[in-house]
């Protein structure tokens, strides 16, 4: 029986693996709705496919919508923020929801 030195990695739950990724924005845990990259991949400039050092604002908004309730419009996670009964344009979320998402991640 041979042992592979650089074979498969040890099994690790996704919840732990996410926190082990030092230095990455928590929004990278989701696919980017702007440039279409997969989860845990850096955002890219769609026209040139150049990787970016930061994540797109749309990805940050998607994370806030996925994990936090909005104190401004009182919606639950996964429900888009709204103003006067209409969803905000382009999937934008209220600034208070970003704060709530950052608080829940800590």
Protein backbone atom coordinates (compact mmCIF):
# COMPACT_ATOMS: atom_id res chain seq x y z
CA UNK A 1 0.00 0.00 0.00
CA UNK A 2 1.42 3.36 -0.98
CA UNK A 3 0.76 6.63 0.76
CA UNK A 4 0.30 9.78 -1.23
CA UNK A 5 2.10 12.69 0.34
CA UNK A 6 0.16 15.37 -1.51
CA UNK A 7 -3.16 13.62 -2.06
CA UNK A 8 -6.57 14.68 -0.85
CA UNK A 9 -6.79 17.18 1.97
CA UNK A 10 -8.26 16.23 5.31
CA UNK A 11 -12.03 16.54 5.49
CA UNK A 12 -13.13 19.79 7.10
CA UNK A 13 -16.62 21.25 7.55
CA UNK A 14 -17.34 24.27 5.35
CA UNK A 15 -18.16 26.39 8.40
CA UNK A 16 -14.63 25.90 9.77
CA UNK A 17 -12.94 26.10 6.38
CA UNK A 18 -14.49 29.54 5.78
CA UNK A 19 -13.01 30.99 8.98
CA UNK A 20 -9.62 29.45 8.22
CA UNK A 21 -9.31 31.57 5.06
CA UNK A 22 -7.36 34.41 6.62
CA UNK A 23 -7.54 37.81 5.02
CA UNK A 24 -10.48 37.18 2.73
CA UNK A 25 -13.66 39.23 2.76
CA UNK A 26 -16.60 37.21 4.11
CA UNK A 27 -18.55 37.99 0.92
CA UNK A 28 -16.20 35.69 -1.00
CA UNK A 29 -18.13 32.77 0.49
CA UNK A 30 -20.84 33.48 -2.12
CA UNK A 31 -20.66 33.57 -5.92
CA UNK A 32 -20.42 37.09 -7.34
CA UNK A 33 -23.61 38.26 -9.08
CA UNK A 34 -21.68 40.94 -11.00
CA UNK A 35 -18.80 39.04 -12.60
CA UNK A 36 -20.09 35.48 -12.13
CA UNK A 37 -17.08 33.93 -10.38
CA UNK A 38 -17.60 30.97 -8.07
CA UNK A 39 -17.57 31.12 -4.29
CA UNK A 40 -14.13 31.61 -2.69
CA UNK A 41 -12.67 32.96 -5.96
CA UNK A 42 -11.51 36.56 -6.40
CA UNK A 43 -13.77 38.91 -8.33
CA UNK A 44 -12.71 39.77 -11.86
CA UNK A 45 -13.18 42.59 -14.32
CA UNK A 46 -15.81 41.03 -16.59
CA UNK A 47 -14.53 42.52 -19.86
CA UNK A 48 -10.87 41.53 -19.37
CA UNK A 49 -11.06 38.68 -16.84
CA UNK A 50 -8.43 40.38 -14.66
CA UNK A 51 -8.61 39.36 -10.96
CA UNK A 52 -9.31 42.14 -8.47
CA UNK A 53 -7.87 42.61 -4.98
CA UNK A 54 -11.31 43.57 -3.61
CA UNK A 55 -14.79 42.15 -4.03
CA UNK A 56 -17.56 43.83 -6.02
CA UNK A 57 -20.15 45.84 -4.09
CA UNK A 58 -22.87 43.60 -5.55
CA UNK A 59 -21.24 40.61 -3.87
CA UNK A 60 -21.09 42.44 -0.54
CA UNK A 61 -24.77 43.37 -0.93
CA UNK A 62 -25.68 39.76 -1.75
CA UNK A 63 -23.92 38.55 1.40
CA UNK A 64 -25.70 41.12 3.57
CA UNK A 65 -29.04 40.08 2.06
CA UNK A 66 -28.25 36.39 2.61
CA UNK A 67 -27.18 36.52 6.27
CA UNK A 68 -28.82 39.52 7.97
CA UNK A 69 -32.21 40.99 8.76
CA UNK A 70 -32.64 44.61 7.72
CA UNK A 71 -33.37 46.95 10.65
CA UNK A 72 -34.54 49.68 8.25
CA UNK A 73 -37.26 47.87 6.28
CA UNK A 74 -37.74 44.92 8.68
CA UNK A 75 -37.19 42.06 6.22
CA UNK A 76 -35.73 38.67 7.03
CA UNK A 77 -32.58 37.17 5.48
CA UNK A 78 -32.79 36.32 1.77
CA UNK A 79 -35.60 38.89 1.25
CA UNK A 80 -34.53 41.99 -0.74
CA UNK A 81 -34.64 45.39 0.96
CA UNK A 82 -37.47 47.64 -0.10
CA UNK A 83 -38.59 51.26 0.05
CA UNK A 84 -42.26 52.20 -0.20
CA UNK A 85 -43.20 48.61 -1.05
CA UNK A 86 -40.76 48.24 -3.97
CA UNK A 87 -37.50 46.32 -3.95
CA UNK A 88 -34.43 48.54 -4.14
CA UNK A 89 -32.93 48.85 -7.62
CA UNK A 90 -30.17 46.39 -8.55
CA UNK A 91 -30.24 44.34 -5.34
CA UNK A 92 -28.89 47.20 -3.23
CA UNK A 93 -29.36 46.86 0.54
CA UNK A 94 -29.70 49.48 3.27
CA UNK A 95 -26.46 50.49 5.06
CA UNK A 96 -27.92 49.26 8.36
CA UNK A 97 -28.14 45.75 6.88
CA UNK A 98 -24.39 45.81 6.13
CA UNK A 99 -23.77 46.73 9.76
CA UNK A 100 -26.02 43.91 10.93
CA UNK A 101 -24.27 41.41 8.63
CA UNK A 102 -20.85 42.43 9.95
CA UNK A 103 -22.09 42.16 13.52
CA UNK A 104 -23.50 38.67 12.96
CA UNK A 105 -20.21 37.48 11.41
CA UNK A 106 -18.16 38.55 14.44
